[in-house]
Amino acid sequence: MRLLGVDLGTKRIGIAVTDELGFGAYPRATLARARSRAEDIAAILSWAERESVEAIIIGLPLSFQGTKNDWALHCEKFSVALADATKLPIILQDEFLSSQEAQADLIAAGVSRKRRDAVIDQAAAVRILESYLKSQ
């Protein structure tokens, strides 16, 4: 099953996909947040169609204690709006520390600070997908 991973940020949205067998996750794009939720949803669904995915996995930023903060509630509301716009299953996946782990991965790989800033959201989306795949 091919999946689309989404790291929803305040300024950018990271997009990643799995391979056809669901073994690996790969970065695809960093989208600038649009002026409206509807435009962001349209952009995500465009990627879902382009990549022929069967489900969309959205990162849910829970706290260390597993509780929801304001941003987690925002992500939940966004996922409901996304679900209303598509027939694809929308799955929320705990993304605790995904951005920090992605940053560490990029530093370890020797990626420059400028390049890291451009791809960190994609790398976080990869981490979200990897976490989901491991949980299955």
C-alpha atoms as a PDB file:
ATOM      1  CA  MET A   1       0.000   0.000   0.000  1.00  0.00           C
ATOM      2  CA  ARG A   2       1.457   3.327  -1.062  1.00  0.00           C
ATOM      3  CA  LEU A   3       1.090   6.090   1.567  1.00  0.00           C
ATOM      4  CA  LEU A   4       1.504   9.868   1.613  1.00  0.00           C
ATOM      5  CA  GLY A   5       3.080  11.373   4.728  1.00  0.00           C
ATOM      6  CA  VAL A   6       2.331  14.944   5.766  1.00  0.00           C
ATOM      7  CA  ASP A   7       4.263  17.065   8.238  1.00  0.00           C
ATOM      8  CA  LEU A   8       1.989  20.028   8.850  1.00  0.00           C
ATOM      9  CA  GLY A   9       3.859  23.134   9.980  1.00  0.00           C
ATOM     10  CA  THR A  10       2.926  26.743  10.522  1.00  0.00           C
ATOM     11  CA  LYS A  11       4.840  27.945   7.439  1.00  0.00           C
ATOM     12  CA  ARG A  12       5.456  24.794   5.403  1.00  0.00           C
ATOM     13  CA  ILE A  13       4.053  21.332   4.727  1.00  0.00           C
ATOM     14  CA  GLY A  14       6.441  18.436   4.255  1.00  0.00           C
ATOM     15  CA  ILE A  15       5.410  15.682   1.842  1.00  0.00           C
ATOM     16  CA  ALA A  16       6.845  12.153   1.653  1.00  0.00           C
ATOM     17  CA  VAL A  17       5.672   8.866   0.124  1.00  0.00           C
ATOM     18  CA  THR A  18       6.278   5.190   0.634  1.00  0.00           C
ATOM     19  CA  ASP A  19       7.287   2.825  -2.113  1.00  0.00           C
ATOM     20  CA  GLU A  20       4.653   0.507  -3.590  1.00  0.00           C
ATOM     21  CA  LEU A  21       5.395  -2.249  -1.084  1.00  0.00           C
ATOM     22  CA  GLY A  22       5.402   0.073   1.922  1.00  0.00           C
ATOM     23  CA  PHE A  23       8.986  -0.784   2.885  1.00  0.00           C
ATOM     24  CA  GLY A  24      10.577   2.664   2.696  1.00  0.00           C
ATOM     25  CA  ALA A  25       9.634   6.325   2.870  1.00  0.00           C
ATOM     26  CA  TYR A  26      11.033   8.985   0.560  1.00  0.00           C
ATOM     27  CA  PRO A  27      10.910  12.796   0.603  1.00  0.00           C
ATOM     28  CA  ARG A  28       8.943  14.473  -2.177  1.00  0.00           C
ATOM     29  CA  ALA A  29       8.257  18.163  -1.580  1.00  0.00           C
ATOM     30  CA  THR A  30       8.087  21.098   0.778  1.00  0.00           C
ATOM     31  CA  LEU A  31       4.996  23.196   0.186  1.00  0.00           C
ATOM     32  CA  ALA A  32       4.644  26.763   1.401  1.00  0.00           C
ATOM     33  CA  ARG A  33       1.467  27.131   3.446  1.00  0.00           C
ATOM     34  CA  ALA A  34      -1.230  28.777   1.350  1.00  0.00           C
ATOM     35  CA  ARG A  35      -3.549  31.580   2.336  1.00  0.00           C
ATOM     36  CA  SER A  36      -6.366  29.170   3.113  1.00  0.00           C
ATOM     37  CA  ARG A  37      -6.882  25.682   4.474  1.00  0.00           C
ATOM     38  CA  ALA A  38      -8.721  24.783   1.264  1.00  0.00           C
ATOM     39  CA  GLU A  39      -5.641  25.620  -0.834  1.00  0.00           C
ATOM     40  CA  ASP A  40      -3.413  23.538   1.465  1.00  0.00           C
ATOM     41  CA  ILE A  41      -5.839  20.629   1.205  1.00  0.00           C
ATOM     42  CA  ALA A  42      -5.943  20.936  -2.590  1.00  0.00           C
ATOM     43  CA  ALA A  43      -2.137  20.858  -2.734  1.00  0.00           C
ATOM     44  CA  ILE A  44      -1.942  17.762  -0.530  1.00  0.00           C
ATOM     45  CA  LEU A  45      -4.630  15.986  -2.548  1.00  0.00           C
ATOM     46  CA  SER A  46      -2.789  16.879  -5.742  1.00  0.00           C
ATOM     47  CA  TRP A  47       0.271  15.069  -4.391  1.00  0.00           C
ATOM     48  CA  ALA A  48      -1.896  12.153  -3.276  1.00  0.00           C
ATOM     49  CA  GLU A  49      -3.275  11.814  -6.789  1.00  0.00           C
ATOM     50  CA  ARG A  50       0.144  12.298  -8.438  1.00  0.00           C
ATOM     51  CA  GLU A  51       1.649   9.554  -6.272  1.00  0.00           C
ATOM     52  CA  SER A  52      -1.383   7.236  -6.480  1.00  0.00           C
ATOM     53  CA  VAL A  53      -1.554   6.742  -2.719  1.00  0.00           C
ATOM     54  CA  GLU A  54      -4.132   4.723  -0.841  1.00  0.00           C
ATOM     55  CA  ALA A  55      -4.028   6.650   2.453  1.00  0.00           C
ATOM     56  CA  ILE A  56      -2.675   9.876   3.932  1.00  0.00           C
ATOM     57  CA  ILE A  57      -0.739   9.849   7.192  1.00  0.00           C
ATOM     58  CA  ILE A  58      -0.672  13.172   9.051  1.00  0.00           C
ATOM     59  CA  GLY A  59       1.732  13.821  11.881  1.00  0.00           C
ATOM     60  CA  LEU A  60       0.084  14.532  15.232  1.00  0.00           C
ATOM     61  CA  PRO A  61       2.461  16.474  17.505  1.00  0.00           C
ATOM     62  CA  LEU A  62       1.669  15.053  20.925  1.00  0.00           C
ATOM     63  CA  SER A  63       3.642  16.166  23.973  1.00  0.00           C
ATOM     64  CA  PHE A  64       6.182  13.999  25.789  1.00  0.00           C
ATOM     65  CA  GLN A  65       3.351  12.924  28.097  1.00  0.00           C
ATOM     66  CA  GLY A  66       1.160  12.036  25.109  1.00  0.00           C
ATOM     67  CA  THR A  67      -1.212  14.957  25.607  1.00  0.00           C
ATOM     68  CA  LYS A  68      -2.536  17.302  22.954  1.00  0.00           C
ATOM     69  CA  ASN A  69      -1.408  20.911  22.724  1.00  0.00           C
ATOM     70  CA  ASP A  70      -2.919  23.674  20.581  1.00  0.00           C
ATOM     71  CA  TRP A  71      -0.991  22.591  17.494  1.00  0.00           C
ATOM     72  CA  ALA A  72      -2.111  18.978  17.880  1.00  0.00           C
ATOM     73  CA  LEU A  73      -5.718  20.188  18.032  1.00  0.00           C
ATOM     74  CA  HIS A  74      -5.084  22.262  14.888  1.00  0.00           C
ATOM     75  CA  CYS A  75      -3.700  19.165  13.123  1.00  0.00           C
ATOM     76  CA  GLU A  76      -6.775  17.180  14.152  1.00  0.00           C
ATOM     77  CA  LYS A  77      -9.099  19.851  12.764  1.00  0.00           C
ATOM     78  CA  PHE A  78      -7.049  19.981   9.556  1.00  0.00           C
ATOM     79  CA  SER A  79      -7.278  16.188   9.202  1.00  0.00           C
ATOM     80  CA  VAL A  80     -11.077  16.327   9.567  1.00  0.00           C
ATOM     81  CA  ALA A  81     -11.273  18.964   6.818  1.00  0.00           C
ATOM     82  CA  LEU A  82      -8.959  16.861   4.649  1.00  0.00           C
ATOM     83  CA  ALA A  83     -11.099  13.764   5.250  1.00  0.00           C
ATOM     84  CA  ASP A  84     -14.180  15.741   4.176  1.00  0.00           C
ATOM     85  CA  ALA A  85     -12.434  16.558   0.875  1.00  0.00           C
ATOM     86  CA  THR A  86     -11.382  13.021  -0.086  1.00  0.00           C
ATOM     87  CA  LYS A  87     -12.390   9.380   0.096  1.00  0.00           C
ATOM     88  CA  LEU A  88      -8.855   8.381   1.043  1.00  0.00           C
ATOM     89  CA  PRO A  89      -8.351   7.231   4.623  1.00  0.00           C
ATOM     90  CA  ILE A  90      -6.728   9.918   6.800  1.00  0.00           C
ATOM     91  CA  ILE A  91      -4.626   8.528   9.631  1.00  0.00           C
ATOM     92  CA  LEU A  92      -3.081  10.545  12.460  1.00  0.00           C
ATOM     93  CA  GLN A  93       0.353   9.346  13.580  1.00  0.00           C
ATOM     94  CA  ASP A  94       2.174  10.544  16.675  1.00  0.00           C
ATOM     95  CA  GLU A  95       5.129  12.568  15.423  1.00  0.00           C
ATOM     96  CA  PHE A  96       6.853  13.251  18.742  1.00  0.00           C
ATOM     97  CA  LEU A  97      10.405  14.478  17.989  1.00  0.00           C
ATOM     98  CA  SER A  98      10.115  13.801  14.239  1.00  0.00           C
ATOM     99  CA  SER A  99      11.531  17.215  13.306  1.00  0.00           C
ATOM    100  CA  GLN A 100      14.381  16.932  15.805  1.00  0.00           C
ATOM    101  CA  GLU A 101      15.246  13.434  14.599  1.00  0.00           C
ATOM    102  CA  ALA A 102      15.058  14.560  10.976  1.00  0.00           C
ATOM    103  CA  GLN A 103      17.373  17.476  11.788  1.00  0.00           C
ATOM    104  CA  ALA A 104      19.854  15.099  13.432  1.00  0.00           C
ATOM    105  CA  ASP A 105      19.718  12.775  10.401  1.00  0.00           C
ATOM    106  CA  LEU A 106      20.453  15.665   8.021  1.00  0.00           C
ATOM    107  CA  ILE A 107      23.342  16.942  10.157  1.00  0.00           C
ATOM    108  CA  ALA A 108      24.800  13.430  10.355  1.00  0.00           C
ATOM    109  CA  ALA A 109      24.567  13.205   6.566  1.00  0.00           C
ATOM    110  CA  GLY A 110      26.573  16.434   6.242  1.00  0.00           C
ATOM    111  CA  VAL A 111      23.740  18.466   4.735  1.00  0.00           C
ATOM    112  CA  SER A 112      24.464  22.201   4.880  1.00  0.00           C
ATOM    113  CA  ARG A 113      22.334  24.471   7.087  1.00  0.00           C
ATOM    114  CA  LYS A 114      20.818  26.194   4.023  1.00  0.00           C
ATOM    115  CA  ARG A 115      19.896  22.873   2.419  1.00  0.00           C
ATOM    116  CA  ARG A 116      18.582  21.503   5.761  1.00  0.00           C
ATOM    117  CA  ASP A 117      16.187  24.442   6.022  1.00  0.00           C
ATOM    118  CA  ALA A 118      14.844  23.588   2.575  1.00  0.00           C
ATOM    119  CA  VAL A 119      14.259  19.875   3.247  1.00  0.00           C
ATOM    120  CA  ILE A 120      13.626  19.534   6.995  1.00  0.00           C
ATOM    121  CA  ASP A 121       9.852  19.337   6.525  1.00  0.00           C
ATOM    122  CA  GLN A 122      10.206  16.567   3.934  1.00  0.00           C
ATOM    123  CA  ALA A 123      12.562  14.699   6.248  1.00  0.00           C
ATOM    124  CA  ALA A 124      10.055  15.023   9.104  1.00  0.00           C
ATOM    125  CA  ALA A 125       7.321  13.638   6.815  1.00  0.00           C
ATOM    126  CA  VAL A 126       9.623  10.677   6.092  1.00  0.00           C
ATOM    127  CA  ARG A 127      10.014  10.131   9.851  1.00  0.00           C
ATOM    128  CA  ILE A 128       6.228  10.221  10.301  1.00  0.00           C
ATOM    129  CA  LEU A 129       5.785   7.569   7.603  1.00  0.00           C
ATOM    130  CA  GLU A 130       8.575   5.415   9.032  1.00  0.00           C
ATOM    131  CA  SER A 131       6.958   5.603  12.471  1.00  0.00           C
ATOM    132  CA  TYR A 132       3.616   4.580  10.996  1.00  0.00           C
ATOM    133  CA  LEU A 133       5.147   1.685   9.051  1.00  0.00           C
ATOM    134  CA  LYS A 134       6.911   0.406  12.196  1.00  0.00           C
ATOM    135  CA  SER A 135       3.644   0.536  14.133  1.00  0.00           C
ATOM    136  CA  GLN A 136       1.924  -1.739  11.622  1.00  0.00           C
END
